[in-house]
N, C-alpha and C. Protein backbone atom coordinates (compact mmCIF):
# COMPACT_ATOMS: atom_id res chain seq x y z
N MET A 1 16.29 -23.36 -6.47
CA MET A 1 15.62 -22.11 -6.24
C MET A 1 14.96 -21.65 -7.53
N ARG A 2 13.75 -21.17 -7.41
CA ARG A 2 13.01 -20.71 -8.58
C ARG A 2 13.43 -19.31 -8.97
N GLU A 3 13.18 -19.01 -10.22
CA GLU A 3 13.50 -17.67 -10.73
C GLU A 3 12.56 -16.64 -10.13
N ARG A 4 13.09 -15.49 -9.77
CA ARG A 4 12.28 -14.41 -9.23
C ARG A 4 11.65 -13.64 -10.38
N ILE A 5 10.38 -13.30 -10.22
CA ILE A 5 9.56 -12.71 -11.27
C ILE A 5 9.02 -11.37 -10.77
N PRO A 6 8.96 -10.35 -11.63
CA PRO A 6 8.33 -9.09 -11.20
C PRO A 6 6.81 -9.22 -11.18
N PHE A 7 6.20 -8.70 -10.16
CA PHE A 7 4.74 -8.69 -10.01
C PHE A 7 4.29 -7.26 -9.76
N LEU A 8 3.05 -6.97 -10.13
CA LEU A 8 2.43 -5.68 -9.87
C LEU A 8 1.20 -5.93 -9.01
N ARG A 9 1.14 -5.25 -7.88
CA ARG A 9 0.06 -5.47 -6.92
C ARG A 9 -0.61 -4.15 -6.56
N GLU A 10 -1.81 -4.27 -5.97
CA GLU A 10 -2.48 -3.12 -5.40
C GLU A 10 -2.97 -3.52 -4.01
N ALA A 11 -3.16 -2.52 -3.17
CA ALA A 11 -3.59 -2.80 -1.80
C ALA A 11 -4.60 -1.76 -1.35
N ALA A 12 -5.65 -2.22 -0.71
CA ALA A 12 -6.62 -1.34 -0.07
C ALA A 12 -6.31 -1.36 1.42
N VAL A 13 -6.06 -0.18 1.98
CA VAL A 13 -5.71 -0.07 3.39
C VAL A 13 -6.87 0.62 4.10
N THR A 14 -7.39 -0.03 5.14
CA THR A 14 -8.50 0.52 5.91
C THR A 14 -8.02 0.83 7.32
N ALA A 15 -8.40 2.00 7.80
CA ALA A 15 -8.04 2.42 9.16
C ALA A 15 -9.29 2.94 9.86
N VAL A 16 -9.30 2.84 11.18
CA VAL A 16 -10.40 3.39 11.97
C VAL A 16 -9.82 4.42 12.93
N PRO A 17 -10.52 5.46 13.28
CA PRO A 17 -11.89 5.73 12.89
C PRO A 17 -12.00 6.22 11.45
N GLN A 18 -11.02 6.95 10.95
CA GLN A 18 -10.97 7.38 9.55
C GLN A 18 -9.60 7.96 9.28
N LEU A 19 -9.30 8.20 8.02
CA LEU A 19 -8.04 8.83 7.62
C LEU A 19 -8.32 10.26 7.20
N SER A 20 -7.64 11.19 7.84
CA SER A 20 -7.81 12.59 7.47
C SER A 20 -7.07 12.86 6.16
N ASP A 21 -7.34 14.00 5.56
CA ASP A 21 -6.63 14.39 4.34
C ASP A 21 -5.14 14.55 4.62
N GLU A 22 -4.81 15.06 5.80
CA GLU A 22 -3.40 15.24 6.16
C GLU A 22 -2.70 13.89 6.31
N GLN A 23 -3.38 12.91 6.88
CA GLN A 23 -2.80 11.56 6.99
C GLN A 23 -2.62 10.94 5.61
N LEU A 24 -3.58 11.14 4.73
CA LEU A 24 -3.46 10.63 3.36
C LEU A 24 -2.27 11.27 2.66
N GLU A 25 -2.05 12.56 2.87
CA GLU A 25 -0.89 13.23 2.28
C GLU A 25 0.42 12.65 2.81
N ARG A 26 0.47 12.31 4.10
CA ARG A 26 1.69 11.72 4.66
C ARG A 26 1.91 10.30 4.11
N ILE A 27 0.83 9.54 3.93
CA ILE A 27 0.96 8.20 3.33
C ILE A 27 1.48 8.33 1.90
N THR A 28 0.93 9.28 1.15
CA THR A 28 1.37 9.50 -0.23
C THR A 28 2.84 9.90 -0.26
N ALA A 29 3.25 10.77 0.64
CA ALA A 29 4.66 11.20 0.69
C ALA A 29 5.58 10.03 1.06
N GLU A 30 5.13 9.18 1.95
CA GLU A 30 5.93 8.01 2.35
C GLU A 30 6.16 7.08 1.15
N PHE A 31 5.12 6.84 0.36
CA PHE A 31 5.26 5.98 -0.81
C PHE A 31 5.98 6.67 -1.96
N ALA A 32 5.97 7.99 -1.98
CA ALA A 32 6.66 8.74 -3.04
C ALA A 32 8.17 8.53 -2.97
N ALA A 33 8.66 8.14 -1.80
CA ALA A 33 10.09 7.88 -1.64
C ALA A 33 10.52 6.58 -2.33
N LEU A 34 9.57 5.72 -2.68
CA LEU A 34 9.90 4.47 -3.37
C LEU A 34 10.24 4.75 -4.83
N PRO A 35 11.14 3.96 -5.40
CA PRO A 35 11.52 4.18 -6.81
C PRO A 35 10.51 3.58 -7.79
N ASN A 36 9.28 4.07 -7.74
CA ASN A 36 8.24 3.57 -8.63
C ASN A 36 7.43 4.76 -9.12
N HIS A 37 7.56 5.07 -10.40
CA HIS A 37 6.91 6.24 -10.97
C HIS A 37 5.45 5.98 -11.34
N PHE A 38 5.00 4.75 -11.25
CA PHE A 38 3.64 4.40 -11.65
C PHE A 38 2.72 4.18 -10.46
N LEU A 39 3.17 4.49 -9.25
CA LEU A 39 2.38 4.30 -8.06
C LEU A 39 1.26 5.33 -7.99
N LEU A 40 0.03 4.85 -7.79
CA LEU A 40 -1.14 5.73 -7.67
C LEU A 40 -1.78 5.50 -6.31
N ILE A 41 -2.11 6.59 -5.62
CA ILE A 41 -2.73 6.49 -4.31
C ILE A 41 -3.97 7.37 -4.32
N GLY A 42 -5.10 6.79 -3.92
CA GLY A 42 -6.34 7.54 -3.89
C GLY A 42 -7.27 7.05 -2.80
N ARG A 43 -8.15 7.92 -2.39
CA ARG A 43 -9.11 7.59 -1.34
C ARG A 43 -10.30 6.84 -1.94
N ILE A 44 -10.72 5.76 -1.29
CA ILE A 44 -11.91 5.03 -1.67
C ILE A 44 -13.09 5.48 -0.80
N SER A 45 -12.82 5.66 0.50
CA SER A 45 -13.84 6.11 1.45
C SER A 45 -13.13 6.91 2.54
N ASP A 46 -13.89 7.34 3.54
CA ASP A 46 -13.28 8.09 4.65
C ASP A 46 -12.22 7.28 5.38
N SER A 47 -12.34 5.96 5.31
CA SER A 47 -11.42 5.09 6.06
C SER A 47 -10.48 4.27 5.19
N THR A 48 -10.67 4.28 3.88
CA THR A 48 -9.92 3.37 3.01
C THR A 48 -9.17 4.10 1.91
N VAL A 49 -7.93 3.67 1.71
CA VAL A 49 -7.06 4.21 0.67
C VAL A 49 -6.66 3.07 -0.25
N LEU A 50 -6.65 3.33 -1.56
CA LEU A 50 -6.20 2.34 -2.53
C LEU A 50 -4.83 2.75 -3.05
N ILE A 51 -3.89 1.82 -2.96
CA ILE A 51 -2.53 2.04 -3.44
C ILE A 51 -2.33 1.09 -4.61
N GLN A 52 -2.13 1.63 -5.81
CA GLN A 52 -1.99 0.81 -7.02
C GLN A 52 -0.58 0.92 -7.58
N GLY A 53 -0.18 -0.12 -8.27
CA GLY A 53 1.11 -0.10 -8.95
C GLY A 53 2.29 -0.42 -8.06
N ILE A 54 2.08 -1.25 -7.06
CA ILE A 54 3.16 -1.64 -6.16
C ILE A 54 3.94 -2.76 -6.83
N SER A 55 5.20 -2.51 -7.12
CA SER A 55 5.99 -3.53 -7.79
C SER A 55 6.82 -4.31 -6.77
N VAL A 56 6.83 -5.62 -6.94
CA VAL A 56 7.62 -6.51 -6.09
C VAL A 56 8.23 -7.59 -6.98
N ILE A 57 9.33 -8.13 -6.53
CA ILE A 57 9.96 -9.26 -7.23
C ILE A 57 9.92 -10.44 -6.28
N ALA A 58 9.31 -11.54 -6.73
CA ALA A 58 9.11 -12.69 -5.87
C ALA A 58 9.19 -13.98 -6.69
N GLU A 59 9.22 -15.10 -5.98
CA GLU A 59 9.27 -16.41 -6.64
C GLU A 59 7.89 -16.93 -7.02
N SER A 60 6.85 -16.40 -6.38
CA SER A 60 5.49 -16.89 -6.65
C SER A 60 4.49 -15.77 -6.39
N PRO A 61 3.27 -15.91 -6.92
CA PRO A 61 2.24 -14.91 -6.62
C PRO A 61 1.94 -14.80 -5.12
N HIS A 62 1.95 -15.92 -4.41
CA HIS A 62 1.70 -15.91 -2.97
C HIS A 62 2.78 -15.10 -2.25
N GLU A 63 4.04 -15.31 -2.62
CA GLU A 63 5.14 -14.56 -2.01
C GLU A 63 5.02 -13.08 -2.37
N ALA A 64 4.59 -12.77 -3.59
CA ALA A 64 4.40 -11.38 -4.00
C ALA A 64 3.35 -10.70 -3.13
N ASP A 65 2.27 -11.41 -2.84
CA ASP A 65 1.23 -10.85 -1.97
C ASP A 65 1.79 -10.58 -0.56
N ALA A 66 2.55 -11.53 -0.04
CA ALA A 66 3.12 -11.38 1.30
C ALA A 66 4.11 -10.22 1.36
N LEU A 67 4.96 -10.11 0.35
CA LEU A 67 5.93 -9.01 0.31
C LEU A 67 5.23 -7.66 0.17
N THR A 68 4.17 -7.63 -0.63
CA THR A 68 3.40 -6.40 -0.79
C THR A 68 2.75 -6.00 0.51
N TRP A 69 2.13 -6.96 1.20
CA TRP A 69 1.49 -6.68 2.48
C TRP A 69 2.51 -6.08 3.45
N ASP A 70 3.68 -6.70 3.52
CA ASP A 70 4.72 -6.22 4.44
C ASP A 70 5.18 -4.81 4.07
N LYS A 71 5.38 -4.57 2.78
CA LYS A 71 5.81 -3.25 2.31
C LYS A 71 4.76 -2.18 2.64
N VAL A 72 3.51 -2.48 2.36
CA VAL A 72 2.43 -1.53 2.63
C VAL A 72 2.31 -1.27 4.13
N HIS A 73 2.31 -2.33 4.92
CA HIS A 73 2.20 -2.18 6.37
C HIS A 73 3.34 -1.31 6.91
N THR A 74 4.55 -1.58 6.48
CA THR A 74 5.71 -0.82 6.95
C THR A 74 5.59 0.65 6.62
N HIS A 75 5.23 0.98 5.38
CA HIS A 75 5.18 2.38 4.96
C HIS A 75 3.97 3.12 5.53
N VAL A 76 2.84 2.46 5.65
CA VAL A 76 1.67 3.12 6.24
C VAL A 76 1.92 3.39 7.72
N CYS A 77 2.48 2.43 8.43
CA CYS A 77 2.77 2.64 9.85
C CYS A 77 3.82 3.74 10.04
N ALA A 78 4.79 3.81 9.14
CA ALA A 78 5.79 4.88 9.22
C ALA A 78 5.16 6.25 8.98
N ALA A 79 4.17 6.31 8.10
CA ALA A 79 3.49 7.57 7.81
C ALA A 79 2.57 8.00 8.95
N LEU A 80 2.05 7.04 9.68
CA LEU A 80 1.10 7.34 10.76
C LEU A 80 1.75 7.18 12.13
N CYS A 81 2.91 7.78 12.30
CA CYS A 81 3.67 7.60 13.54
C CYS A 81 3.66 8.84 14.44
N GLU A 82 2.93 9.87 14.08
CA GLU A 82 2.88 11.08 14.89
C GLU A 82 2.02 10.85 16.14
N PRO A 83 2.27 11.60 17.22
CA PRO A 83 1.47 11.41 18.44
C PRO A 83 -0.03 11.57 18.21
N TRP A 84 -0.44 12.44 17.30
CA TRP A 84 -1.87 12.63 17.06
C TRP A 84 -2.48 11.51 16.22
N ASP A 85 -1.66 10.57 15.77
CA ASP A 85 -2.15 9.41 15.02
C ASP A 85 -2.42 8.21 15.91
N TRP A 86 -2.17 8.32 17.19
CA TRP A 86 -2.27 7.15 18.07
C TRP A 86 -3.66 6.55 18.12
N ASP A 87 -4.69 7.34 17.85
CA ASP A 87 -6.05 6.81 17.84
C ASP A 87 -6.41 6.14 16.51
N THR A 88 -5.57 6.31 15.51
CA THR A 88 -5.83 5.71 14.19
C THR A 88 -5.20 4.33 14.14
N ARG A 89 -5.99 3.34 13.81
CA ARG A 89 -5.51 1.95 13.74
C ARG A 89 -5.75 1.39 12.35
N VAL A 90 -4.74 0.78 11.77
CA VAL A 90 -4.91 0.07 10.51
C VAL A 90 -5.61 -1.24 10.84
N THR A 91 -6.78 -1.44 10.25
CA THR A 91 -7.57 -2.64 10.57
C THR A 91 -7.53 -3.69 9.47
N ALA A 92 -7.17 -3.29 8.23
CA ALA A 92 -7.13 -4.27 7.14
C ALA A 92 -6.21 -3.78 6.03
N ILE A 93 -5.50 -4.72 5.46
CA ILE A 93 -4.72 -4.48 4.24
C ILE A 93 -5.07 -5.61 3.29
N ASP A 94 -5.78 -5.27 2.22
CA ASP A 94 -6.23 -6.27 1.24
C ASP A 94 -5.35 -6.14 0.00
N VAL A 95 -4.53 -7.15 -0.25
CA VAL A 95 -3.59 -7.15 -1.38
C VAL A 95 -4.12 -8.04 -2.48
N ARG A 96 -4.02 -7.58 -3.71
CA ARG A 96 -4.43 -8.40 -4.86
C ARG A 96 -3.62 -8.01 -6.09
N ALA A 97 -3.68 -8.84 -7.09
CA ALA A 97 -3.01 -8.54 -8.35
C ALA A 97 -3.70 -7.35 -9.00
N THR A 98 -2.94 -6.48 -9.59
CA THR A 98 -3.50 -5.32 -10.29
C THR A 98 -4.21 -5.81 -11.53
N ASP A 99 -5.45 -5.37 -11.71
CA ASP A 99 -6.21 -5.78 -12.89
C ASP A 99 -6.64 -4.59 -13.74
N GLY A 100 -6.13 -3.42 -13.42
CA GLY A 100 -6.48 -2.21 -14.17
C GLY A 100 -5.47 -1.93 -15.27
N ALA A 101 -5.41 -0.68 -15.65
CA ALA A 101 -4.53 -0.26 -16.75
C ALA A 101 -3.07 -0.51 -16.44
N LEU A 102 -2.69 -0.49 -15.15
CA LEU A 102 -1.28 -0.71 -14.79
C LEU A 102 -0.84 -2.14 -15.02
N ALA A 103 -1.78 -3.06 -15.20
CA ALA A 103 -1.42 -4.46 -15.38
C ALA A 103 -0.86 -4.73 -16.78
N TYR A 104 -1.06 -3.82 -17.70
CA TYR A 104 -0.65 -4.07 -19.08
C TYR A 104 0.58 -3.34 -19.48
């Protein structure tokens, strides 16, 4: 078994038709429960949110991407579980290595 390594990832989450400010606040609150003080969440467009500083421990970069995708999907779906969210669908989660200031 290979040694597990800490990785830092970011994810862009896109939903249709769009994410309201209230939905963005619930997504932010859902991620605030994680033990990560460096997590940044911001809107890119009406439909897309960028979540930066997601820390995962994995055996490889590929596994880190998969774990990040799963973590993001789980928390975003938990945040968008109200009856008035039923028309909102997550259409894409793009995970990549953090290349900004959080990477250093």
